[in-house]
Structure formats: C-alpha cells, structure tokens
C-alpha atoms as a PDB file:
ATOM      1  CA  MET A   1     -14.624  -5.707  -1.224  1.00  0.00           C
ATOM      2  CA  PHE A   2     -13.091  -3.056  -3.609  1.00  0.00           C
ATOM      3  CA  ASP A   3     -11.650  -4.079  -6.905  1.00  0.00           C
ATOM      4  CA  ASP A   4      -8.574  -2.540  -8.295  1.00  0.00           C
ATOM      5  CA  GLY A   5     -10.674  -0.296 -10.584  1.00  0.00           C
ATOM      6  CA  ASP A   6     -12.433   0.995  -7.669  1.00  0.00           C
ATOM      7  CA  VAL A   7      -9.266   1.881  -6.031  1.00  0.00           C
ATOM      8  CA  ARG A   8      -7.654   3.569  -8.983  1.00  0.00           C
ATOM      9  CA  ALA A   9     -10.643   5.619  -9.540  1.00  0.00           C
ATOM     10  CA  ALA A  10     -10.799   6.726  -6.059  1.00  0.00           C
ATOM     11  CA  LEU A  11      -7.306   7.484  -6.023  1.00  0.00           C
ATOM     12  CA  ALA A  12      -7.248   9.553  -9.268  1.00  0.00           C
ATOM     13  CA  ASP A  13     -10.281  11.578  -7.929  1.00  0.00           C
ATOM     14  CA  PHE A  14      -8.552  12.193  -4.725  1.00  0.00           C
ATOM     15  CA  ILE A  15      -5.380  13.373  -6.376  1.00  0.00           C
ATOM     16  CA  ARG A  16      -7.045  15.485  -8.870  1.00  0.00           C
ATOM     17  CA  SER A  17      -8.971  17.299  -6.247  1.00  0.00           C
ATOM     18  CA  ASN A  18      -6.434  17.768  -3.608  1.00  0.00           C
ATOM     19  CA  PHE A  19      -3.152  18.069  -5.571  1.00  0.00           C
ATOM     20  CA  LEU A  20      -3.852  18.907  -9.203  1.00  0.00           C
ATOM     21  CA  TYR A  21      -6.834  21.272  -8.638  1.00  0.00           C
ATOM     22  CA  ALA A  22      -4.642  24.080 -10.202  1.00  0.00           C
ATOM     23  CA  ARG A  23      -3.774  21.978 -13.210  1.00  0.00           C
ATOM     24  CA  PRO A  24      -7.151  20.397 -14.242  1.00  0.00           C
ATOM     25  CA  ASP A  25      -5.796  19.429 -17.571  1.00  0.00           C
ATOM     26  CA  TYR A  26      -2.747  17.497 -16.276  1.00  0.00           C
ATOM     27  CA  PRO A  27      -3.081  14.089 -18.015  1.00  0.00           C
ATOM     28  CA  LEU A  28      -2.694  11.825 -14.924  1.00  0.00           C
ATOM     29  CA  GLY A  29      -1.782   8.482 -15.627  1.00  0.00           C
ATOM     30  CA  ASP A  30      -1.672   5.299 -13.517  1.00  0.00           C
ATOM     31  CA  ASP A  31       2.040   5.184 -13.575  1.00  0.00           C
ATOM     32  CA  ASP A  32       2.876   8.692 -13.201  1.00  0.00           C
ATOM     33  CA  ARG A  33       5.581   9.055 -10.500  1.00  0.00           C
ATOM     34  CA  PHE A  34       4.085  11.240  -7.748  1.00  0.00           C
ATOM     35  CA  LEU A  35       7.478  12.727  -6.356  1.00  0.00           C
ATOM     36  CA  ASP A  36       9.412  12.798  -9.626  1.00  0.00           C
ATOM     37  CA  ASP A  37       6.329  14.718 -11.484  1.00  0.00           C
ATOM     38  CA  GLY A  38       5.840  16.939  -8.459  1.00  0.00           C
ATOM     39  CA  ILE A  39       2.192  15.802  -8.069  1.00  0.00           C
ATOM     40  CA  VAL A  40       2.545  14.810  -4.433  1.00  0.00           C
ATOM     41  CA  ASP A  41       5.046  16.034  -1.885  1.00  0.00           C
ATOM     42  CA  SER A  42       5.987  14.722   1.777  1.00  0.00           C
ATOM     43  CA  MET A  43       2.931  16.403   3.449  1.00  0.00           C
ATOM     44  CA  GLY A  44       0.592  15.161   0.572  1.00  0.00           C
ATOM     45  CA  ALA A  45       1.716  11.651   1.303  1.00  0.00           C
ATOM     46  CA  VAL A  46       0.174  12.194   4.911  1.00  0.00           C
ATOM     47  CA  GLU A  47      -2.982  13.222   3.332  1.00  0.00           C
ATOM     48  CA  LEU A  48      -2.940  10.400   0.964  1.00  0.00           C
ATOM     49  CA  VAL A  49      -2.353   7.784   3.773  1.00  0.00           C
ATOM     50  CA  ALA A  50      -5.320   9.403   5.908  1.00  0.00           C
ATOM     51  CA  PHE A  51      -7.602   9.126   2.792  1.00  0.00           C
ATOM     52  CA  LEU A  52      -6.686   5.451   2.182  1.00  0.00           C
ATOM     53  CA  GLU A  53      -7.117   4.435   5.674  1.00  0.00           C
ATOM     54  CA  GLU A  54     -10.605   6.219   5.918  1.00  0.00           C
ATOM     55  CA  ARG A  55     -11.786   5.299   2.374  1.00  0.00           C
ATOM     56  CA  PHE A  56     -10.633   1.658   2.357  1.00  0.00           C
ATOM     57  CA  GLY A  57     -10.440   0.683   5.801  1.00  0.00           C
ATOM     58  CA  VAL A  58      -6.825  -0.313   5.801  1.00  0.00           C
ATOM     59  CA  SER A  59      -4.139   0.476   8.454  1.00  0.00           C
ATOM     60  CA  ILE A  60      -0.876   1.870   7.080  1.00  0.00           C
ATOM     61  CA  PRO A  61       1.986   1.533   9.385  1.00  0.00           C
ATOM     62  CA  ASP A  62       4.974   4.165   8.630  1.00  0.00           C
ATOM     63  CA  ASP A  63       7.217   1.360   7.489  1.00  0.00           C
ATOM     64  CA  ASP A  64       4.811   0.790   4.602  1.00  0.00           C
ATOM     65  CA  ILE A  65       5.040   4.293   3.363  1.00  0.00           C
ATOM     66  CA  THR A  66       7.812   3.880   0.680  1.00  0.00           C
ATOM     67  CA  GLU A  67       8.229   4.866  -3.008  1.00  0.00           C
ATOM     68  CA  ASP A  68       7.534   1.322  -3.944  1.00  0.00           C
ATOM     69  CA  ASN A  69       4.152   1.300  -2.324  1.00  0.00           C
ATOM     70  CA  PHE A  70       3.201   5.019  -2.851  1.00  0.00           C
ATOM     71  CA  GLY A  71       4.990   6.081  -5.882  1.00  0.00           C
ATOM     72  CA  SER A  72       1.972   5.942  -8.340  1.00  0.00           C
ATOM     73  CA  ILE A  73      -1.649   5.121  -8.647  1.00  0.00           C
ATOM     74  CA  ALA A  74      -0.734   1.636  -9.798  1.00  0.00           C
ATOM     75  CA  SER A  75       1.545   1.052  -6.925  1.00  0.00           C
ATOM     76  CA  ILE A  76      -0.787   2.245  -4.406  1.00  0.00           C
ATOM     77  CA  ALA A  77      -3.781   0.270  -5.858  1.00  0.00           C
ATOM     78  CA  GLY A  78      -1.538  -3.002  -5.657  1.00  0.00           C
ATOM     79  CA  PHE A  79      -0.634  -1.962  -1.989  1.00  0.00           C
ATOM     80  CA  VAL A  80      -4.283  -1.430  -1.081  1.00  0.00           C
ATOM     81  CA  ARG A  81      -5.330  -4.672  -2.949  1.00  0.00           C
ATOM     82  CA  ARG A  82      -2.655  -6.557  -0.839  1.00  0.00           C
ATOM     83  CA  LYS A  83      -3.710  -4.972   2.549  1.00  0.00           C
ATOM     84  CA  LEU A  84      -7.370  -5.762   1.731  1.00  0.00           C
ATOM     85  CA  LEU A  85      -6.415  -9.424   0.692  1.00  0.00           C
ATOM     86  CA  ASN A  86      -4.386  -9.879   4.011  1.00  0.00           C
ATOM     87  CA  ALA A  87      -7.296  -8.491   6.297  1.00  0.00           C
ATOM     88  CA  ALA A  88      -9.856 -10.934   4.664  1.00  0.00           C
END
C-alpha cells in the first residue's frame, strides 16, 4: 500500500520530469494549481492519468478527471488515496 508521502513524491518527480524539465528551478509545491500556473495542460492531464493508473494500479474513469481531483499534487494524492482505500 502506498502512503500519502509516496504518492506526493512520485507525482512531484513525474511532473518535474515530464512538464517542468525546461524549468528545473520551478518551486513546485503541493498546492500549486496545475492549470492556473501553466504546469499541466489538457494533454498533460491524459499523461498524468496514464501514469497514475500504471504506477498505483488505480482505474480512473473520465468522470473523475476534474479540477477538484486533479488540480494539484495535494488533490491528486487525496484522490489516489481514496481510490486505493475503496479498492482494498
């Protein structure tokens, strides 16, 4: 089972490697808003969903891809935690 810290660390690494590679000094925080801050766009959201499904073994239906669930590292970590708890 993954804890919240594991999810947050994996997300931060993925985002830095895939979306912030040209801005290595960007001070990415858990509550930074991806769309508002120009970190992840709609195509990036698709990549992010694929990463989460593969890395954490969760299934993410299109209806779950919302700003509330995918707006920041903190919101994604909470979403993944809920998905994992519901699957257990």
